[in-house]
Amino acid sequence: MPTFEYRKLFRANIILRVDYHSLSDPEITGTAFSKNISPTGLNIVMPDKLKEGSELELKIHIVEGKEPIYAKGKIIWIQECPPVFKTEKKYYSCGIQCNYMSSEDAISTSDFVRDIVKEQSESQIKEIISRIEKIKGAK
């Protein structure tokens, strides 16, 4: 059965450092990394198992060495990651919906996502054309 994508905005597949602090008990502070980001949310992988609905303060490091983007968000889903390494430590992938971000940070995030998606699309087009040219050259 096909699935449908309900996201309204583009997501950029990019690994970014995300520092988080939970605003509910137990208060947990940690560092995660994103799988993707949009102007209104992100998917991160973290070492802490938090509850769905948990509120978080986020610092999203979109450019290393510069001030991070500050946001508040809510975990809308969380699932355990499949084991990758031979370790007992568990990791969790979670979807976060950002419900607060300053106007400046929202614009910066939107511009950043647009630029990454454009760059990835152009790279993908180059790869496709390269494959077509290889096939044509083989004939």
N, C-alpha and C. Protein backbone atom coordinates (compact mmCIF):
# COMPACT_ATOMS: atom_id res chain seq x y z
N MET A 1 0.84 -1.17 0.00
CA MET A 1 0.00 0.00 0.00
C MET A 1 0.90 1.25 0.00
N PRO A 2 0.64 2.20 -0.89
CA PRO A 2 1.50 3.38 -0.95
C PRO A 2 1.27 4.28 0.27
N THR A 3 2.32 5.02 0.61
CA THR A 3 2.19 6.01 1.67
C THR A 3 2.22 7.39 1.04
N PHE A 4 1.71 8.35 1.74
CA PHE A 4 1.66 9.70 1.21
C PHE A 4 2.44 10.63 2.12
N GLU A 5 3.07 11.61 1.53
CA GLU A 5 3.86 12.58 2.26
C GLU A 5 2.99 13.78 2.57
N TYR A 6 2.82 14.08 3.85
CA TYR A 6 1.95 15.18 4.25
C TYR A 6 2.72 16.44 4.60
N ARG A 7 4.03 16.42 4.50
CA ARG A 7 4.81 17.61 4.82
C ARG A 7 4.50 18.71 3.82
N LYS A 8 4.44 19.91 4.35
CA LYS A 8 4.12 21.05 3.50
C LYS A 8 5.36 21.76 2.99
N LEU A 9 6.51 21.52 3.63
CA LEU A 9 7.74 22.23 3.28
C LEU A 9 8.85 21.24 2.96
N PHE A 10 9.80 21.70 2.15
CA PHE A 10 10.96 20.88 1.83
C PHE A 10 11.77 20.59 3.08
N ARG A 11 12.41 19.44 3.07
CA ARG A 11 13.37 19.08 4.11
C ARG A 11 14.71 18.88 3.45
N ALA A 12 15.74 19.38 4.11
CA ALA A 12 17.10 19.18 3.63
C ALA A 12 17.71 18.03 4.41
N ASN A 13 18.19 17.02 3.70
CA ASN A 13 18.88 15.91 4.34
C ASN A 13 20.30 16.35 4.66
N ILE A 14 20.54 16.65 5.92
CA ILE A 14 21.85 17.15 6.32
C ILE A 14 22.09 16.85 7.80
N ILE A 15 23.32 16.53 8.11
CA ILE A 15 23.69 16.22 9.50
C ILE A 15 24.19 17.51 10.15
N LEU A 16 23.46 17.95 11.17
CA LEU A 16 23.81 19.14 11.92
C LEU A 16 23.81 18.82 13.41
N ARG A 17 24.67 19.46 14.15
CA ARG A 17 24.67 19.30 15.60
C ARG A 17 23.46 20.04 16.17
N VAL A 18 22.76 19.37 17.09
CA VAL A 18 21.60 19.96 17.75
C VAL A 18 21.74 19.71 19.25
N ASP A 19 21.91 20.78 20.01
CA ASP A 19 21.92 20.67 21.48
C ASP A 19 20.48 20.81 21.95
N TYR A 20 20.09 19.99 22.92
CA TYR A 20 18.71 20.04 23.40
C TYR A 20 18.65 20.04 24.92
N HIS A 21 17.55 20.57 25.42
CA HIS A 21 17.27 20.56 26.84
C HIS A 21 15.77 20.33 26.99
N SER A 22 15.40 19.26 27.69
CA SER A 22 13.97 18.98 27.87
C SER A 22 13.41 19.93 28.92
N LEU A 23 12.20 20.37 28.72
CA LEU A 23 11.55 21.32 29.62
C LEU A 23 10.61 20.65 30.60
N SER A 24 10.57 19.32 30.58
CA SER A 24 9.71 18.58 31.51
C SER A 24 10.55 17.58 32.28
N ASP A 25 9.97 17.03 33.34
CA ASP A 25 10.70 16.05 34.15
C ASP A 25 10.80 14.73 33.43
N PRO A 26 11.93 14.08 33.47
CA PRO A 26 13.17 14.60 34.03
C PRO A 26 13.83 15.56 33.03
N GLU A 27 14.42 16.63 33.56
CA GLU A 27 15.13 17.56 32.69
C GLU A 27 16.41 16.89 32.21
N ILE A 28 16.57 16.84 30.91
CA ILE A 28 17.73 16.19 30.30
C ILE A 28 18.34 17.16 29.31
N THR A 29 19.65 17.28 29.36
CA THR A 29 20.39 18.10 28.41
C THR A 29 21.33 17.18 27.64
N GLY A 30 21.38 17.34 26.34
CA GLY A 30 22.25 16.48 25.55
C GLY A 30 22.54 17.05 24.18
N THR A 31 23.26 16.26 23.41
CA THR A 31 23.60 16.62 22.04
C THR A 31 23.11 15.53 21.11
N ALA A 32 22.48 15.94 20.03
CA ALA A 32 21.98 15.03 19.01
C ALA A 32 22.50 15.51 17.67
N PHE A 33 22.18 14.77 16.63
CA PHE A 33 22.50 15.21 15.27
C PHE A 33 21.27 14.99 14.40
N SER A 34 21.08 15.93 13.49
CA SER A 34 19.90 15.86 12.62
C SER A 34 20.11 14.87 11.48
N LYS A 35 19.00 14.32 11.02
CA LYS A 35 18.97 13.57 9.76
C LYS A 35 18.48 14.50 8.66
N ASN A 36 17.50 15.34 9.02
CA ASN A 36 16.99 16.33 8.07
C ASN A 36 16.37 17.48 8.85
N ILE A 37 16.15 18.57 8.12
CA ILE A 37 15.60 19.78 8.75
C ILE A 37 14.72 20.50 7.75
N SER A 38 13.66 21.11 8.25
CA SER A 38 12.81 21.99 7.45
C SER A 38 12.64 23.28 8.24
N PRO A 39 12.01 24.29 7.66
CA PRO A 39 11.80 25.53 8.41
C PRO A 39 10.91 25.35 9.64
N THR A 40 10.16 24.25 9.72
CA THR A 40 9.23 24.08 10.84
C THR A 40 9.49 22.82 11.67
N GLY A 41 10.54 22.09 11.38
CA GLY A 41 10.81 20.89 12.16
C GLY A 41 12.08 20.20 11.74
N LEU A 42 12.41 19.15 12.47
CA LEU A 42 13.59 18.38 12.15
C LEU A 42 13.48 16.98 12.70
N ASN A 43 14.29 16.11 12.15
CA ASN A 43 14.40 14.73 12.61
C ASN A 43 15.81 14.60 13.17
N ILE A 44 15.90 14.20 14.45
CA ILE A 44 17.20 14.06 15.08
C ILE A 44 17.38 12.66 15.63
N VAL A 45 18.64 12.28 15.83
CA VAL A 45 18.99 11.02 16.50
C VAL A 45 19.68 11.42 17.80
N MET A 46 19.16 10.87 18.91
CA MET A 46 19.65 11.23 20.23
C MET A 46 19.87 9.99 21.10
N PRO A 47 20.72 10.12 22.11
CA PRO A 47 20.96 8.98 23.00
C PRO A 47 19.96 8.89 24.15
N ASP A 48 19.04 9.84 24.27
CA ASP A 48 18.08 9.85 25.37
C ASP A 48 16.69 9.48 24.87
N LYS A 49 16.01 8.63 25.65
CA LYS A 49 14.63 8.28 25.29
C LYS A 49 13.70 9.23 26.03
N LEU A 50 13.13 10.14 25.28
CA LEU A 50 12.18 11.09 25.84
C LEU A 50 10.78 10.67 25.41
N LYS A 51 9.79 11.24 26.04
CA LYS A 51 8.40 10.88 25.74
C LYS A 51 7.87 11.71 24.58
N GLU A 52 7.00 11.10 23.81
CA GLU A 52 6.27 11.83 22.78
C GLU A 52 5.52 12.96 23.48
N GLY A 53 5.56 14.14 22.91
CA GLY A 53 4.92 15.29 23.52
C GLY A 53 5.86 16.13 24.38
N SER A 54 7.07 15.62 24.64
CA SER A 54 8.04 16.38 25.44
C SER A 54 8.40 17.68 24.73
N GLU A 55 8.49 18.75 25.51
CA GLU A 55 8.89 20.05 25.00
C GLU A 55 10.40 20.18 25.14
N LEU A 56 11.04 20.75 24.12
CA LEU A 56 12.50 20.89 24.11
C LEU A 56 12.91 22.31 23.74
N GLU A 57 14.02 22.76 24.32
CA GLU A 57 14.72 23.93 23.83
C GLU A 57 15.83 23.40 22.95
N LEU A 58 16.03 24.01 21.78
CA LEU A 58 17.00 23.53 20.82
C LEU A 58 17.99 24.61 20.42
N LYS A 59 19.23 24.21 20.22
CA LYS A 59 20.24 25.05 19.59
C LYS A 59 20.70 24.27 18.37
N ILE A 60 20.36 24.78 17.19
CA ILE A 60 20.66 24.09 15.94
C ILE A 60 21.85 24.79 15.29
N HIS A 61 22.95 24.06 15.17
CA HIS A 61 24.19 24.64 14.64
C HIS A 61 24.22 24.48 13.12
N ILE A 62 23.63 25.47 12.42
CA ILE A 62 23.58 25.33 10.96
C ILE A 62 24.89 25.73 10.31
N VAL A 63 25.68 26.57 10.98
CA VAL A 63 27.01 26.93 10.47
C VAL A 63 27.97 26.85 11.65
N GLU A 64 28.92 25.91 11.57
CA GLU A 64 29.89 25.75 12.66
C GLU A 64 30.64 27.05 12.89
N GLY A 65 30.82 27.39 14.16
CA GLY A 65 31.56 28.58 14.51
C GLY A 65 30.71 29.85 14.59
N LYS A 66 29.45 29.76 14.18
CA LYS A 66 28.55 30.91 14.26
C LYS A 66 27.47 30.61 15.29
N GLU A 67 26.75 31.64 15.68
CA GLU A 67 25.67 31.47 16.64
C GLU A 67 24.64 30.46 16.12
N PRO A 68 24.20 29.56 16.99
CA PRO A 68 23.19 28.59 16.55
C PRO A 68 21.81 29.23 16.42
N ILE A 69 20.93 28.51 15.77
CA ILE A 69 19.52 28.88 15.69
C ILE A 69 18.86 28.38 16.98
N TYR A 70 18.08 29.23 17.62
CA TYR A 70 17.38 28.84 18.85
C TYR A 70 15.92 28.56 18.51
N ALA A 71 15.41 27.47 19.06
CA ALA A 71 14.01 27.12 18.82
C ALA A 71 13.47 26.36 20.02
N LYS A 72 12.16 26.35 20.11
CA LYS A 72 11.47 25.47 21.05
C LYS A 72 10.61 24.55 20.20
N GLY A 73 10.54 23.30 20.61
CA GLY A 73 9.77 22.35 19.83
C GLY A 73 9.20 21.25 20.69
N LYS A 74 8.43 20.40 20.03
CA LYS A 74 7.77 19.29 20.71
C LYS A 74 8.05 18.01 19.94
N ILE A 75 8.35 16.95 20.66
CA ILE A 75 8.55 15.64 20.02
C ILE A 75 7.19 15.12 19.60
N ILE A 76 7.02 14.90 18.29
CA ILE A 76 5.73 14.39 17.81
C ILE A 76 5.77 12.89 17.54
N TRP A 77 6.97 12.34 17.42
CA TRP A 77 7.12 10.88 17.35
C TRP A 77 8.55 10.53 17.76
N ILE A 78 8.71 9.30 18.27
CA ILE A 78 10.03 8.82 18.66
C ILE A 78 10.06 7.31 18.46
N GLN A 79 11.20 6.82 17.98
CA GLN A 79 11.36 5.37 17.81
C GLN A 79 12.81 4.99 18.03
N GLU A 80 13.00 3.79 18.52
CA GLU A 80 14.35 3.28 18.75
C GLU A 80 15.03 3.01 17.41
N CYS A 81 16.28 3.41 17.31
CA CYS A 81 17.06 3.16 16.09
C CYS A 81 17.52 1.71 16.09
N PRO A 82 17.62 1.11 14.92
CA PRO A 82 18.19 -0.24 14.86
C PRO A 82 19.65 -0.20 15.29
N PRO A 83 20.14 -1.25 15.95
CA PRO A 83 21.55 -1.25 16.37
C PRO A 83 22.48 -1.20 15.16
N VAL A 84 23.49 -0.36 15.26
CA VAL A 84 24.46 -0.21 14.18
C VAL A 84 25.81 -0.79 14.60
N PHE A 85 26.17 -0.52 15.83
CA PHE A 85 27.44 -1.00 16.36
C PHE A 85 27.17 -2.05 17.43
N LYS A 86 28.18 -2.81 17.76
CA LYS A 86 28.04 -3.81 18.82
C LYS A 86 28.15 -3.10 20.17
N THR A 87 27.05 -2.50 20.59
CA THR A 87 27.01 -1.77 21.84
C THR A 87 25.65 -1.98 22.48
N GLU A 88 25.62 -1.85 23.78
CA GLU A 88 24.36 -1.97 24.51
C GLU A 88 23.60 -0.65 24.50
N LYS A 89 24.29 0.44 24.14
CA LYS A 89 23.68 1.77 24.16
C LYS A 89 22.60 1.86 23.08
N LYS A 90 21.46 2.43 23.45
CA LYS A 90 20.37 2.62 22.50
C LYS A 90 20.31 4.08 22.06
N TYR A 91 19.84 4.27 20.83
CA TYR A 91 19.67 5.60 20.28
C TYR A 91 18.25 5.72 19.74
N TYR A 92 17.77 6.94 19.67
CA TYR A 92 16.38 7.17 19.30
C TYR A 92 16.29 8.25 18.22
N SER A 93 15.47 7.97 17.24
CA SER A 93 15.18 8.93 16.18
C SER A 93 13.86 9.58 16.54
N CYS A 94 13.81 10.90 16.46
CA CYS A 94 12.54 11.54 16.79
C CYS A 94 12.26 12.72 15.87
N GLY A 95 10.99 12.92 15.64
CA GLY A 95 10.53 14.05 14.84
C GLY A 95 10.13 15.17 15.77
N ILE A 96 10.65 16.34 15.50
CA ILE A 96 10.37 17.49 16.35
C ILE A 96 9.70 18.57 15.51
N GLN A 97 8.58 19.04 16.01
CA GLN A 97 7.88 20.16 15.38
C GLN A 97 8.27 21.41 16.14
N CYS A 98 8.85 22.37 15.44
CA CYS A 98 9.24 23.63 16.08
C CYS A 98 8.00 24.51 16.22
N ASN A 99 7.75 24.95 17.45
CA ASN A 99 6.59 25.81 17.66
C ASN A 99 6.98 27.22 18.09
N TYR A 100 8.28 27.47 18.24
CA TYR A 100 8.75 28.84 18.47
C TYR A 100 10.15 29.00 17.90
N MET A 101 10.32 30.11 17.18
CA MET A 101 11.62 30.49 16.65
C MET A 101 11.52 31.99 16.36
N SER A 102 12.56 32.74 16.67
CA SER A 102 12.51 34.18 16.37
C SER A 102 12.34 34.38 14.86
N SER A 103 11.87 35.53 14.48
CA SER A 103 11.68 35.83 13.05
C SER A 103 13.00 35.72 12.30
N GLU A 104 14.08 36.25 12.88
CA GLU A 104 15.40 36.17 12.24
C GLU A 104 15.85 34.74 12.06
N ASP A 105 15.68 33.92 13.11
CA ASP A 105 16.10 32.52 13.02
C ASP A 105 15.23 31.74 12.05
N ALA A 106 13.93 32.06 11.99
CA ALA A 106 13.04 31.39 11.05
C ALA A 106 13.46 31.69 9.61
N ILE A 107 13.82 32.94 9.34
CA ILE A 107 14.26 33.32 7.99
C ILE A 107 15.59 32.63 7.67
N SER A 108 16.52 32.64 8.63
CA SER A 108 17.82 31.98 8.41
C SER A 108 17.65 30.50 8.13
N THR A 109 16.77 29.85 8.89
CA THR A 109 16.53 28.42 8.70
C THR A 109 15.91 28.15 7.34
N SER A 110 14.92 28.95 6.98
CA SER A 110 14.25 28.78 5.68
C SER A 110 15.24 28.97 4.53
N ASP A 111 16.07 30.01 4.61
CA ASP A 111 17.07 30.25 3.57
C ASP A 111 18.08 29.11 3.51
N PHE A 112 18.51 28.64 4.67
CA PHE A 112 19.47 27.54 4.74
C PHE A 112 18.90 26.28 4.08
N VAL A 113 17.67 25.93 4.44
CA VAL A 113 17.03 24.73 3.87
C VAL A 113 16.88 24.89 2.36
N ARG A 114 16.44 26.05 1.91
CA ARG A 114 16.28 26.30 0.46
C ARG A 114 17.61 26.10 -0.27
N ASP A 115 18.68 26.66 0.28
CA ASP A 115 19.99 26.55 -0.37
C ASP A 115 20.48 25.11 -0.41
N ILE A 116 20.29 24.36 0.68
CA ILE A 116 20.72 22.95 0.72
C ILE A 116 19.92 22.12 -0.27
N VAL A 117 18.60 22.31 -0.28
CA VAL A 117 17.75 21.53 -1.20
C VAL A 117 18.13 21.85 -2.65
N LYS A 118 18.39 23.10 -2.96
CA LYS A 118 18.80 23.49 -4.32
C LYS A 118 20.13 22.83 -4.68
N GLU A 119 21.08 22.89 -3.75
CA GLU A 119 22.40 22.28 -3.99
C GLU A 119 22.28 20.76 -4.19
N GLN A 120 21.47 20.11 -3.37
CA GLN A 120 21.29 18.67 -3.50
C GLN A 120 20.58 18.31 -4.81
N SER A 121 19.62 19.13 -5.21
CA SER A 121 18.91 18.89 -6.46
C SER A 121 19.85 19.04 -7.66
N GLU A 122 20.68 20.09 -7.63
CA GLU A 122 21.63 20.29 -8.73
C GLU A 122 22.64 19.16 -8.80
N SER A 123 23.09 18.69 -7.65
CA SER A 123 24.02 17.57 -7.60
C SER A 123 23.37 16.30 -8.16
N GLN A 124 22.11 16.09 -7.80
CA GLN A 124 21.39 14.92 -8.29
C GLN A 124 21.20 15.00 -9.82
N ILE A 125 20.89 16.17 -10.32
CA ILE A 125 20.73 16.34 -11.77
C ILE A 125 22.04 16.03 -12.49
N LYS A 126 23.17 16.51 -11.95
CA LYS A 126 24.48 16.22 -12.55
C LYS A 126 24.72 14.71 -12.58
N GLU A 127 24.39 14.02 -11.50
CA GLU A 127 24.58 12.56 -11.44
C GLU A 127 23.70 11.86 -12.48
N ILE A 128 22.47 12.30 -12.62
CA ILE A 128 21.56 11.70 -13.60
C ILE A 128 22.08 11.91 -15.02
N ILE A 129 22.51 13.12 -15.33
CA ILE A 129 23.03 13.41 -16.67
C ILE A 129 24.29 12.59 -16.92
N SER A 130 25.15 12.46 -15.92
CA SER A 130 26.36 11.65 -16.05
C SER A 130 26.01 10.20 -16.38
N ARG A 131 25.00 9.66 -15.72
CA ARG A 131 24.58 8.27 -16.00
C ARG A 131 24.01 8.13 -17.41
N ILE A 132 23.23 9.13 -17.84
CA ILE A 132 22.69 9.09 -19.19
C ILE A 132 23.82 9.11 -20.20
N GLU A 133 24.81 9.98 -19.98
CA GLU A 133 25.94 10.09 -20.89
C GLU A 133 26.74 8.78 -20.95
N LYS A 134 26.88 8.09 -19.81
CA LYS A 134 27.58 6.81 -19.79
C LYS A 134 26.84 5.78 -20.62
N ILE A 135 25.53 5.77 -20.50
CA ILE A 135 24.72 4.82 -21.27
C ILE A 135 24.82 5.14 -22.76
N LYS A 136 24.73 6.40 -23.11
CA LYS A 136 24.84 6.80 -24.52
C LYS A 136 26.21 6.47 -25.08
N GLY A 137 27.25 6.64 -24.26
CA GLY A 137 28.62 6.34 -24.70
C GLY A 137 28.85 4.85 -24.90
N ALA A 138 28.10 4.03 -24.18
CA ALA A 138 28.26 2.58 -24.27
C ALA A 138 27.59 2.03 -25.53
N LYS A 139 26.74 2.79 -26.18
CA LYS A 139 26.02 2.31 -27.37
C LYS A 139 26.80 2.54 -28.62
